[in-house]
Amino acid sequence: MLFKRLKEEIIALKDEGRVVMRFNELRETLQLRLPGELARFADAELRAVLTLLAGPGVV
């Protein structure tokens, strides 16, 4: 569930035109956009999602 929501939010940010962000800025933006428990993710989890999205060229 967490990976799916992170992926959806990252793609939504890209679709909104926010394509270049530093890791810390991305993490803080996602923490503000995600509700409750989902907003508490580890840096390693976010990096894993980014790595998976980078493979097919999504990010």
Protein backbone atom coordinates (compact mmCIF):
# COMPACT_ATOMS: atom_id res chain seq x y z
CA MET A 1 0.00 0.00 0.00
CA LEU A 2 2.76 2.47 0.94
CA PHE A 3 4.79 1.84 -2.21
CA LYS A 4 1.69 2.24 -4.38
CA ARG A 5 0.74 5.54 -2.73
CA LEU A 6 4.29 6.90 -2.94
CA LYS A 7 4.39 5.97 -6.62
CA GLU A 8 1.02 7.62 -7.29
CA GLU A 9 2.04 10.83 -5.53
CA ILE A 10 5.41 11.00 -7.30
CA ILE A 11 3.70 10.55 -10.66
CA ALA A 12 1.10 13.19 -9.70
CA LEU A 13 3.91 15.63 -8.87
CA LYS A 14 5.50 14.92 -12.24
CA ASP A 15 2.16 15.47 -14.00
CA GLU A 16 1.82 18.80 -12.15
CA GLY A 17 5.10 19.90 -13.69
CA ARG A 18 7.32 19.43 -10.63
CA VAL A 19 9.99 17.36 -12.29
CA VAL A 20 13.23 18.46 -10.61
CA MET A 21 13.31 18.18 -6.83
CA ARG A 22 15.98 17.43 -4.30
CA PHE A 23 15.45 14.26 -2.28
CA ASN A 24 14.72 16.18 0.95
CA GLU A 25 12.20 18.42 -0.82
CA LEU A 26 10.47 15.41 -2.36
CA ARG A 27 10.30 13.62 0.99
CA GLU A 28 8.79 16.68 2.73
CA THR A 29 6.30 17.26 -0.09
CA LEU A 30 5.16 13.63 0.05
CA GLN A 31 4.85 13.73 3.84
CA LEU A 32 2.51 16.71 3.50
CA ARG A 33 0.44 15.10 0.74
CA LEU A 34 -0.01 11.66 2.30
CA PRO A 35 -2.53 11.06 5.09
CA GLY A 36 -1.70 9.86 8.61
CA GLU A 37 0.33 6.68 8.85
CA LEU A 38 1.33 6.75 5.19
CA ALA A 39 3.20 10.01 5.79
CA ARG A 40 5.63 8.15 8.06
CA PHE A 41 7.91 6.37 5.65
CA ALA A 42 11.63 5.75 5.82
CA ASP A 43 14.13 7.29 3.41
CA ALA A 44 15.01 3.75 2.30
CA GLU A 45 11.39 3.11 1.30
CA LEU A 46 11.27 6.31 -0.75
CA ARG A 47 14.59 5.49 -2.40
CA ALA A 48 13.27 2.02 -3.29
CA VAL A 49 10.20 3.53 -4.98
CA LEU A 50 12.36 6.03 -6.86
CA THR A 51 14.65 3.25 -8.03
CA LEU A 52 11.68 1.21 -9.27
CA LEU A 53 10.27 4.24 -11.11
CA ALA A 54 13.65 5.11 -12.63
CA GLY A 55 13.96 1.69 -14.27
CA PRO A 56 11.13 2.19 -16.79
CA GLY A 57 11.96 5.89 -17.12
CA VAL A 58 9.03 7.28 -15.14
CA VAL A 59 11.37 9.54 -13.15
